[in-house]
Amino acid sequence: MLQEHAKVLYLLEQAGEVVGRKKLQKIVYITQKLQYDFNQKFQFHFYGPYSEELTLEVEELCQFGFLQEILEDKGNYNVYRYRITDKGKEFLHHVKADVGNLSPVLHKMNQSSARFLELVSTVLFFEKLSKAEVREKIQTLKAKSNYSDEEIDEAYTWITELQALV
């Protein structure tokens, strides 16, 4: 019943900490696209792929005391930090949630900005399209983000590097 919740906890245990709701969404989506066993449904939203299921799972994990959500006021915006709690680690001892060694890909993703992960996840969302079509989608749907051609090319290179780590 709480299998997907446990997988999110497992991811956060391996990551150590994830800073930002958007970043957490993108990390889970990208790991799913890398064929790790995450099963949340994602749809395209303002900031790229988004899962209401994941949002609810994270809220429930916080309510259970398995996940710590710390709100930081950065002046003109707020950011959330996520860490597994001792109670969450204890829960993982009772529920099988091993989705594999996520550490190499999590380390790479966690060092990247939420903005770049948004771009990478958008590229992956439209992976069935040609690069030219993906570029057009990004420049249309994500016009306000003002991604350059170089950033889009970097996202493709980055995805290949991530796939090599799996």
N, C-alpha and C. Protein backbone atom coordinates (compact mmCIF):
# COMPACT_ATOMS: atom_id res chain seq x y z
N MET A 1 0.82 -1.19 0.00
CA MET A 1 0.00 0.00 0.00
C MET A 1 0.87 1.26 0.00
N LEU A 2 1.90 1.28 0.79
CA LEU A 2 2.76 2.46 0.88
C LEU A 2 4.05 2.26 0.09
N GLN A 3 4.01 1.38 -0.90
CA GLN A 3 5.21 1.05 -1.66
C GLN A 3 5.81 2.27 -2.36
N GLU A 4 4.99 3.06 -3.02
CA GLU A 4 5.50 4.24 -3.72
C GLU A 4 6.02 5.29 -2.73
N HIS A 5 5.38 5.39 -1.59
CA HIS A 5 5.86 6.29 -0.53
C HIS A 5 7.26 5.86 -0.10
N ALA A 6 7.43 4.56 0.08
CA ALA A 6 8.72 4.03 0.52
C ALA A 6 9.80 4.28 -0.52
N LYS A 7 9.45 4.20 -1.79
CA LYS A 7 10.43 4.47 -2.86
C LYS A 7 10.90 5.92 -2.82
N VAL A 8 9.98 6.83 -2.54
CA VAL A 8 10.34 8.25 -2.43
C VAL A 8 11.28 8.44 -1.23
N LEU A 9 10.97 7.78 -0.13
CA LEU A 9 11.85 7.84 1.05
C LEU A 9 13.23 7.27 0.73
N TYR A 10 13.25 6.16 0.02
CA TYR A 10 14.52 5.52 -0.36
C TYR A 10 15.35 6.49 -1.20
N LEU A 11 14.70 7.16 -2.15
CA LEU A 11 15.38 8.15 -2.99
C LEU A 11 15.97 9.26 -2.12
N LEU A 12 15.18 9.76 -1.19
CA LEU A 12 15.65 10.85 -0.33
C LEU A 12 16.74 10.39 0.63
N GLU A 13 16.68 9.14 1.05
CA GLU A 13 17.74 8.62 1.91
C GLU A 13 19.06 8.60 1.13
N GLN A 14 19.01 8.17 -0.13
CA GLN A 14 20.23 8.13 -0.94
C GLN A 14 20.70 9.54 -1.33
N ALA A 15 19.77 10.45 -1.53
CA ALA A 15 20.13 11.82 -1.92
C ALA A 15 20.69 12.60 -0.74
N GLY A 16 20.26 12.26 0.45
CA GLY A 16 20.66 13.02 1.63
C GLY A 16 19.71 14.18 1.88
N GLU A 17 19.53 14.99 0.87
CA GLU A 17 18.64 16.15 0.96
C GLU A 17 18.33 16.61 -0.47
N VAL A 18 17.11 17.07 -0.66
CA VAL A 18 16.72 17.71 -1.92
C VAL A 18 16.14 19.06 -1.56
N VAL A 19 16.64 20.09 -2.23
CA VAL A 19 16.19 21.45 -1.95
C VAL A 19 15.25 21.90 -3.07
N GLY A 20 13.97 22.01 -2.74
CA GLY A 20 12.98 22.53 -3.68
C GLY A 20 11.95 21.49 -4.10
N ARG A 21 10.70 21.91 -4.07
CA ARG A 21 9.61 21.05 -4.51
C ARG A 21 9.73 20.71 -5.99
N LYS A 22 10.02 21.73 -6.79
CA LYS A 22 10.16 21.51 -8.23
C LYS A 22 11.31 20.55 -8.50
N LYS A 23 12.40 20.73 -7.80
CA LYS A 23 13.57 19.87 -8.00
C LYS A 23 13.24 18.42 -7.66
N LEU A 24 12.52 18.21 -6.57
CA LEU A 24 12.13 16.85 -6.18
C LEU A 24 11.25 16.22 -7.26
N GLN A 25 10.30 16.98 -7.77
CA GLN A 25 9.44 16.48 -8.86
C GLN A 25 10.29 16.04 -10.06
N LYS A 26 11.23 16.89 -10.44
CA LYS A 26 12.05 16.61 -11.63
C LYS A 26 12.96 15.42 -11.39
N ILE A 27 13.53 15.30 -10.20
CA ILE A 27 14.40 14.17 -9.89
C ILE A 27 13.63 12.86 -9.98
N VAL A 28 12.43 12.81 -9.41
CA VAL A 28 11.64 11.57 -9.47
C VAL A 28 11.27 11.27 -10.92
N TYR A 29 10.86 12.29 -11.67
CA TYR A 29 10.49 12.06 -13.07
C TYR A 29 11.68 11.53 -13.88
N ILE A 30 12.82 12.15 -13.72
CA ILE A 30 14.01 11.75 -14.49
C ILE A 30 14.44 10.33 -14.10
N THR A 31 14.41 10.00 -12.81
CA THR A 31 14.77 8.63 -12.42
C THR A 31 13.78 7.63 -13.01
N GLN A 32 12.53 8.01 -13.07
CA GLN A 32 11.52 7.15 -13.70
C GLN A 32 11.85 6.94 -15.18
N LYS A 33 12.22 8.00 -15.85
CA LYS A 33 12.56 7.91 -17.28
C LYS A 33 13.85 7.11 -17.51
N LEU A 34 14.70 7.02 -16.47
CA LEU A 34 15.92 6.22 -16.56
C LEU A 34 15.65 4.75 -16.22
N GLN A 35 14.37 4.41 -16.12
CA GLN A 35 13.90 3.04 -15.89
C GLN A 35 14.04 2.55 -14.45
N TYR A 36 14.20 3.47 -13.51
CA TYR A 36 14.12 3.07 -12.11
C TYR A 36 12.64 2.87 -11.79
N ASP A 37 12.36 2.08 -10.77
CA ASP A 37 11.00 1.64 -10.48
C ASP A 37 10.21 2.68 -9.67
N PHE A 38 9.85 3.77 -10.34
CA PHE A 38 8.94 4.77 -9.79
C PHE A 38 7.72 4.79 -10.69
N ASN A 39 6.52 4.84 -10.09
CA ASN A 39 5.30 4.66 -10.88
C ASN A 39 4.31 5.81 -10.81
N GLN A 40 4.75 6.97 -10.36
CA GLN A 40 3.84 8.11 -10.31
C GLN A 40 3.47 8.54 -11.73
N LYS A 41 2.23 9.00 -11.88
CA LYS A 41 1.78 9.51 -13.17
C LYS A 41 2.15 10.98 -13.27
N PHE A 42 2.75 11.35 -14.39
CA PHE A 42 3.15 12.73 -14.62
C PHE A 42 2.39 13.28 -15.82
N GLN A 43 2.09 14.57 -15.74
CA GLN A 43 1.49 15.29 -16.87
C GLN A 43 2.30 16.56 -17.08
N PHE A 44 2.19 17.14 -18.25
CA PHE A 44 2.94 18.36 -18.51
C PHE A 44 2.24 19.52 -17.84
N HIS A 45 3.02 20.35 -17.15
CA HIS A 45 2.48 21.46 -16.36
C HIS A 45 3.35 22.69 -16.61
N PHE A 46 3.12 23.74 -15.86
CA PHE A 46 3.85 25.00 -16.05
C PHE A 46 5.37 24.82 -16.05
N TYR A 47 5.86 24.01 -15.13
CA TYR A 47 7.31 23.83 -14.98
C TYR A 47 7.77 22.47 -15.50
N GLY A 48 7.11 21.97 -16.52
CA GLY A 48 7.48 20.67 -17.07
C GLY A 48 6.65 19.57 -16.42
N PRO A 49 7.14 18.33 -16.51
CA PRO A 49 6.39 17.20 -15.95
C PRO A 49 6.12 17.40 -14.45
N TYR A 50 4.88 17.09 -14.06
CA TYR A 50 4.44 17.28 -12.68
C TYR A 50 3.54 16.11 -12.31
N SER A 51 3.67 15.64 -11.07
CA SER A 51 2.84 14.55 -10.57
C SER A 51 2.08 14.98 -9.33
N GLU A 52 0.77 15.01 -9.44
CA GLU A 52 -0.07 15.28 -8.27
C GLU A 52 0.09 14.15 -7.26
N GLU A 53 0.24 12.91 -7.77
CA GLU A 53 0.45 11.75 -6.90
C GLU A 53 1.68 11.96 -6.02
N LEU A 54 2.78 12.40 -6.62
CA LEU A 54 4.01 12.62 -5.88
C LEU A 54 3.82 13.71 -4.83
N THR A 55 3.14 14.77 -5.19
CA THR A 55 2.87 15.85 -4.24
C THR A 55 2.12 15.30 -3.02
N LEU A 56 1.10 14.48 -3.27
CA LEU A 56 0.32 13.90 -2.17
C LEU A 56 1.16 12.94 -1.34
N GLU A 57 1.99 12.14 -2.00
CA GLU A 57 2.86 11.21 -1.27
C GLU A 57 3.81 11.96 -0.35
N VAL A 58 4.40 13.03 -0.84
CA VAL A 58 5.32 13.83 -0.03
C VAL A 58 4.58 14.45 1.15
N GLU A 59 3.38 14.98 0.91
CA GLU A 59 2.59 15.55 2.01
C GLU A 59 2.30 14.49 3.07
N GLU A 60 1.91 13.29 2.62
CA GLU A 60 1.60 12.21 3.57
C GLU A 60 2.85 11.78 4.33
N LEU A 61 3.99 11.67 3.64
CA LEU A 61 5.24 11.30 4.31
C LEU A 61 5.60 12.31 5.40
N CYS A 62 5.34 13.58 5.13
CA CYS A 62 5.58 14.62 6.14
C CYS A 62 4.61 14.45 7.31
N GLN A 63 3.34 14.17 7.02
CA GLN A 63 2.35 13.98 8.07
C GLN A 63 2.67 12.77 8.94
N PHE A 64 3.20 11.70 8.33
CA PHE A 64 3.58 10.49 9.07
C PHE A 64 4.83 10.72 9.93
N GLY A 65 5.55 11.81 9.65
CA GLY A 65 6.79 12.07 10.35
C GLY A 65 7.99 11.35 9.74
N PHE A 66 7.81 10.80 8.53
CA PHE A 66 8.87 10.06 7.85
C PHE A 66 9.79 10.99 7.04
N LEU A 67 9.29 12.15 6.75
CA LEU A 67 10.01 13.11 5.92
C LEU A 67 9.95 14.46 6.59
N GLN A 68 11.07 15.15 6.57
CA GLN A 68 11.14 16.49 7.15
C GLN A 68 11.09 17.50 6.00
N GLU A 69 10.17 18.43 6.11
CA GLU A 69 10.04 19.51 5.14
C GLU A 69 10.33 20.81 5.88
N ILE A 70 11.41 21.46 5.50
CA ILE A 70 11.82 22.70 6.17
C ILE A 70 11.62 23.86 5.19
N LEU A 71 10.82 24.84 5.59
CA LEU A 71 10.58 26.01 4.78
C LEU A 71 11.63 27.06 5.10
N GLU A 72 12.31 27.55 4.06
CA GLU A 72 13.30 28.60 4.23
C GLU A 72 12.84 29.85 3.48
N ASP A 73 12.86 30.95 4.16
CA ASP A 73 12.51 32.24 3.55
C ASP A 73 13.77 32.83 2.94
N LYS A 74 13.77 32.96 1.62
CA LYS A 74 14.93 33.51 0.90
C LYS A 74 14.72 34.97 0.52
N GLY A 75 13.82 35.65 1.22
CA GLY A 75 13.56 37.06 0.94
C GLY A 75 12.39 37.21 -0.01
N ASN A 76 12.67 37.10 -1.31
CA ASN A 76 11.59 37.28 -2.29
C ASN A 76 10.95 35.96 -2.72
N TYR A 77 11.39 34.84 -2.15
CA TYR A 77 10.76 33.55 -2.42
C TYR A 77 11.06 32.58 -1.27
N ASN A 78 10.31 31.49 -1.23
CA ASN A 78 10.51 30.45 -0.23
C ASN A 78 11.03 29.19 -0.91
N VAL A 79 11.77 28.40 -0.17
CA VAL A 79 12.27 27.13 -0.69
C VAL A 79 12.06 26.07 0.39
N TYR A 80 11.77 24.86 -0.05
CA TYR A 80 11.55 23.74 0.86
C TYR A 80 12.73 22.78 0.76
N ARG A 81 13.20 22.32 1.93
CA ARG A 81 14.26 21.31 2.01
C ARG A 81 13.63 20.01 2.49
N TYR A 82 14.00 18.92 1.84
CA TYR A 82 13.45 17.62 2.20
C TYR A 82 14.56 16.68 2.65
N ARG A 83 14.33 16.04 3.81
CA ARG A 83 15.25 15.04 4.36
C ARG A 83 14.43 13.94 5.01
N ILE A 84 14.93 12.73 4.89
CA ILE A 84 14.30 11.61 5.58
C ILE A 84 14.60 11.73 7.07
N THR A 85 13.63 11.37 7.90
CA THR A 85 13.81 11.41 9.35
C THR A 85 14.25 10.03 9.85
N ASP A 86 14.62 9.96 11.11
CA ASP A 86 14.95 8.66 11.72
C ASP A 86 13.74 7.73 11.66
N LYS A 87 12.57 8.30 11.89
CA LYS A 87 11.33 7.51 11.81
C LYS A 87 11.13 6.97 10.38
N GLY A 88 11.48 7.78 9.38
CA GLY A 88 11.39 7.34 7.99
C GLY A 88 12.38 6.23 7.69
N LYS A 89 13.60 6.34 8.24
CA LYS A 89 14.61 5.28 8.05
C LYS A 89 14.15 3.98 8.69
N GLU A 90 13.53 4.09 9.86
CA GLU A 90 12.99 2.90 10.54
C GLU A 90 11.89 2.26 9.69
N PHE A 91 11.03 3.08 9.12
CA PHE A 91 9.97 2.59 8.24
C PHE A 91 10.56 1.81 7.06
N LEU A 92 11.65 2.32 6.50
CA LEU A 92 12.29 1.64 5.34
C LEU A 92 12.83 0.26 5.71
N HIS A 93 13.14 0.03 6.97
CA HIS A 93 13.60 -1.30 7.40
C HIS A 93 12.48 -2.33 7.33
N HIS A 94 11.23 -1.87 7.33
CA HIS A 94 10.08 -2.77 7.34
C HIS A 94 9.39 -2.90 5.98
N VAL A 95 9.74 -2.05 5.04
CA VAL A 95 9.08 -2.06 3.73
C VAL A 95 10.16 -2.17 2.65
N LYS A 96 9.99 -3.13 1.76
CA LYS A 96 10.96 -3.29 0.68
C LYS A 96 10.77 -2.17 -0.33
N ALA A 97 11.79 -1.35 -0.49
CA ALA A 97 11.69 -0.21 -1.40
C ALA A 97 12.95 -0.01 -2.21
N ASP A 98 13.76 -1.05 -2.30
CA ASP A 98 15.03 -0.93 -3.00
C ASP A 98 14.78 -0.84 -4.51
N VAL A 99 15.02 0.32 -5.06
CA VAL A 99 14.84 0.52 -6.51
C VAL A 99 16.18 0.53 -7.23
N GLY A 100 17.24 0.15 -6.53
CA GLY A 100 18.57 0.12 -7.14
C GLY A 100 19.43 1.23 -6.59
N ASN A 101 20.65 1.26 -7.07
CA ASN A 101 21.60 2.27 -6.63
C ASN A 101 21.36 3.57 -7.38
N LEU A 102 20.70 4.47 -6.72
CA LEU A 102 20.38 5.77 -7.31
C LEU A 102 21.49 6.80 -7.09
N SER A 103 22.42 6.50 -6.20
CA SER A 103 23.41 7.49 -5.77
C SER A 103 24.12 8.22 -6.91
N PRO A 104 24.66 7.52 -7.93
CA PRO A 104 25.38 8.27 -8.98
C PRO A 104 24.49 9.27 -9.72
N VAL A 105 23.27 8.86 -10.07
CA VAL A 105 22.39 9.78 -10.81
C VAL A 105 21.84 10.86 -9.89
N LEU A 106 21.56 10.50 -8.63
CA LEU A 106 21.06 11.50 -7.68
C LEU A 106 22.11 12.57 -7.41
N HIS A 107 23.34 12.14 -7.28
CA HIS A 107 24.42 13.10 -7.04
C HIS A 107 24.50 14.11 -8.18
N LYS A 108 24.45 13.62 -9.41
CA LYS A 108 24.53 14.49 -10.58
C LYS A 108 23.31 15.43 -10.65
N MET A 109 22.13 14.88 -10.39
CA MET A 109 20.92 15.71 -10.45
C MET A 109 20.89 16.73 -9.32
N ASN A 110 21.29 16.31 -8.14
CA ASN A 110 21.22 17.20 -6.98
C ASN A 110 22.18 18.38 -7.09
N GLN A 111 23.23 18.22 -7.89
CA GLN A 111 24.17 19.32 -8.11
C GLN A 111 23.66 20.31 -9.15
N SER A 112 22.62 19.94 -9.87
CA SER A 112 22.08 20.80 -10.93
C SER A 112 20.96 21.68 -10.39
N SER A 113 20.73 22.76 -11.10
CA SER A 113 19.66 23.68 -10.69
C SER A 113 18.29 23.11 -11.06
N ALA A 114 17.27 23.55 -10.34
CA ALA A 114 15.90 23.14 -10.67
C ALA A 114 15.54 23.60 -12.08
N ARG A 115 16.05 24.75 -12.49
CA ARG A 115 15.78 25.26 -13.84
C ARG A 115 16.32 24.30 -14.90
N PHE A 116 17.55 23.81 -14.71
CA PHE A 116 18.13 22.89 -15.68
C PHE A 116 17.41 21.54 -15.65
N LEU A 117 17.04 21.06 -14.47
CA LEU A 117 16.29 19.81 -14.38
C LEU A 117 14.92 19.94 -15.03
N GLU A 118 14.35 21.12 -14.97
CA GLU A 118 13.09 21.39 -15.66
C GLU A 118 13.28 21.20 -17.16
N LEU A 119 14.37 21.71 -17.69
CA LEU A 119 14.68 21.56 -19.12
C LEU A 119 14.91 20.10 -19.46
N VAL A 120 15.72 19.41 -18.68
CA VAL A 120 16.01 17.99 -18.94
C VAL A 120 14.73 17.17 -18.91
N SER A 121 13.89 17.39 -17.91
CA SER A 121 12.64 16.62 -17.81
C SER A 121 11.69 16.94 -18.96
N THR A 122 11.72 18.17 -19.44
CA THR A 122 10.89 18.54 -20.59
C THR A 122 11.38 17.83 -21.85
N VAL A 123 12.69 17.78 -22.03
CA VAL A 123 13.26 17.05 -23.17
C VAL A 123 12.83 15.58 -23.09
N LEU A 124 12.92 14.99 -21.92
CA LEU A 124 12.53 13.59 -21.75
C LEU A 124 11.03 13.38 -21.96
N PHE A 125 10.23 14.36 -21.57
CA PHE A 125 8.78 14.25 -21.74
C PHE A 125 8.41 14.13 -23.22
N PHE A 126 9.17 14.83 -24.05
CA PHE A 126 8.90 14.83 -25.49
C PHE A 126 9.89 13.96 -26.26
N GLU A 127 10.44 12.94 -25.61
CA GLU A 127 11.50 12.13 -26.19
C GLU A 127 11.13 11.43 -27.49
N LYS A 128 9.88 11.24 -27.75
CA LYS A 128 9.46 10.56 -29.00
C LYS A 128 9.54 11.49 -30.21
N LEU A 129 9.69 12.78 -29.97
CA LEU A 129 9.79 13.76 -31.05
C LEU A 129 11.24 13.91 -31.50
N SER A 130 11.44 14.47 -32.67
CA SER A 130 12.79 14.75 -33.14
C SER A 130 13.38 15.89 -32.31
N LYS A 131 14.70 16.04 -32.36
CA LYS A 131 15.35 17.13 -31.62
C LYS A 131 14.82 18.49 -32.07
N ALA A 132 14.58 18.64 -33.35
CA ALA A 132 14.05 19.91 -33.87
C ALA A 132 12.66 20.19 -33.31
N GLU A 133 11.83 19.14 -33.23
CA GLU A 133 10.48 19.31 -32.68
C GLU A 133 10.52 19.60 -31.18
N VAL A 134 11.43 18.94 -30.48
CA VAL A 134 11.58 19.19 -29.04
C VAL A 134 12.03 20.62 -28.82
N ARG A 135 13.00 21.07 -29.60
CA ARG A 135 13.50 22.45 -29.49
C ARG A 135 12.34 23.44 -29.70
N GLU A 136 11.51 23.17 -30.69
CA GLU A 136 10.37 24.04 -30.98
C GLU A 136 9.37 24.03 -29.82
N LYS A 137 9.10 22.85 -29.27
CA LYS A 137 8.19 22.75 -28.11
C LYS A 137 8.73 23.57 -26.94
N ILE A 138 10.02 23.43 -26.68
CA ILE A 138 10.63 24.14 -25.55
C ILE A 138 10.54 25.64 -25.78
N GLN A 139 10.85 26.07 -26.98
CA GLN A 139 10.83 27.51 -27.26
C GLN A 139 9.42 28.07 -27.26
N THR A 140 8.42 27.21 -27.47
CA THR A 140 7.03 27.65 -27.44
C THR A 140 6.46 27.54 -26.02
N LEU A 141 6.51 26.34 -25.45
CA LEU A 141 5.90 26.09 -24.15
C LEU A 141 6.68 26.71 -22.99
N LYS A 142 7.97 26.83 -23.15
CA LYS A 142 8.83 27.33 -22.08
C LYS A 142 9.47 28.67 -22.48
N ALA A 143 8.77 29.45 -23.27
CA ALA A 143 9.31 30.72 -23.77
C ALA A 143 9.79 31.63 -22.65
N LYS A 144 9.05 31.67 -21.55
CA LYS A 144 9.43 32.55 -20.44
C LYS A 144 10.75 32.13 -19.79
N SER A 145 11.08 30.86 -19.90
CA SER A 145 12.34 30.36 -19.32
C SER A 145 13.54 30.75 -20.17
N ASN A 146 13.26 31.08 -21.43
CA ASN A 146 14.31 31.60 -22.33
C ASN A 146 15.52 30.66 -22.43
N TYR A 147 15.27 29.37 -22.67
CA TYR A 147 16.36 28.40 -22.82
C TYR A 147 17.06 28.64 -24.15
N SER A 148 18.36 28.64 -24.11
CA SER A 148 19.15 28.84 -25.33
C SER A 148 19.34 27.50 -26.04
N ASP A 149 19.74 27.56 -27.31
CA ASP A 149 20.04 26.35 -28.06
C ASP A 149 21.16 25.56 -27.38
N GLU A 150 22.13 26.28 -26.82
CA GLU A 150 23.25 25.63 -26.13
C GLU A 150 22.76 24.87 -24.89
N GLU A 151 21.83 25.45 -24.16
CA GLU A 151 21.28 24.77 -22.98
C GLU A 151 20.52 23.52 -23.39
N ILE A 152 19.78 23.60 -24.47
CA ILE A 152 19.03 22.44 -24.95
C ILE A 152 20.00 21.34 -25.38
N ASP A 153 21.06 21.71 -26.09
CA ASP A 153 22.08 20.73 -26.49
C ASP A 153 22.74 20.12 -25.25
N GLU A 154 23.00 20.96 -24.25
CA GLU A 154 23.60 20.48 -23.01
C GLU A 154 22.67 19.48 -22.32
N ALA A 155 21.36 19.72 -22.36
CA ALA A 155 20.40 18.80 -21.76
C ALA A 155 20.49 17.42 -22.42
N TYR A 156 20.58 17.39 -23.75
CA TYR A 156 20.71 16.11 -24.46
C TYR A 156 22.00 15.39 -24.05
N THR A 157 23.10 16.12 -23.97
CA THR A 157 24.38 15.53 -23.56
C THR A 157 24.29 15.01 -22.14
N TRP A 158 23.68 15.78 -21.30
CA TRP A 158 23.52 15.43 -19.89
C TRP A 158 22.70 14.16 -19.72
N ILE A 159 21.63 14.01 -20.51
CA ILE A 159 20.79 12.80 -20.47
C ILE A 159 21.62 11.58 -20.84
N THR A 160 22.44 11.71 -21.87
CA THR A 160 23.32 10.60 -22.28
C THR A 160 24.29 10.24 -21.15
N GLU A 161 24.84 11.25 -20.49
CA GLU A 161 25.74 11.01 -19.36
C GLU A 161 25.01 10.31 -18.20
N LEU A 162 23.79 10.73 -17.93
CA LEU A 162 23.00 10.09 -16.88
C LEU A 162 22.73 8.62 -17.22
N GLN A 163 22.36 8.36 -18.46
CA GLN A 163 22.06 6.99 -18.89
C GLN A 163 23.28 6.08 -18.73
N ALA A 164 24.46 6.64 -18.91
CA ALA A 164 25.70 5.86 -18.74
C ALA A 164 25.94 5.50 -17.27
N LEU A 165 25.37 6.26 -16.35
CA LEU A 165 25.56 6.01 -14.92
C LEU A 165 24.63 4.92 -14.40
N VAL A 166 23.59 4.59 -15.16
CA VAL A 166 22.58 3.62 -14.72
C VAL A 166 23.14 2.21 -14.80
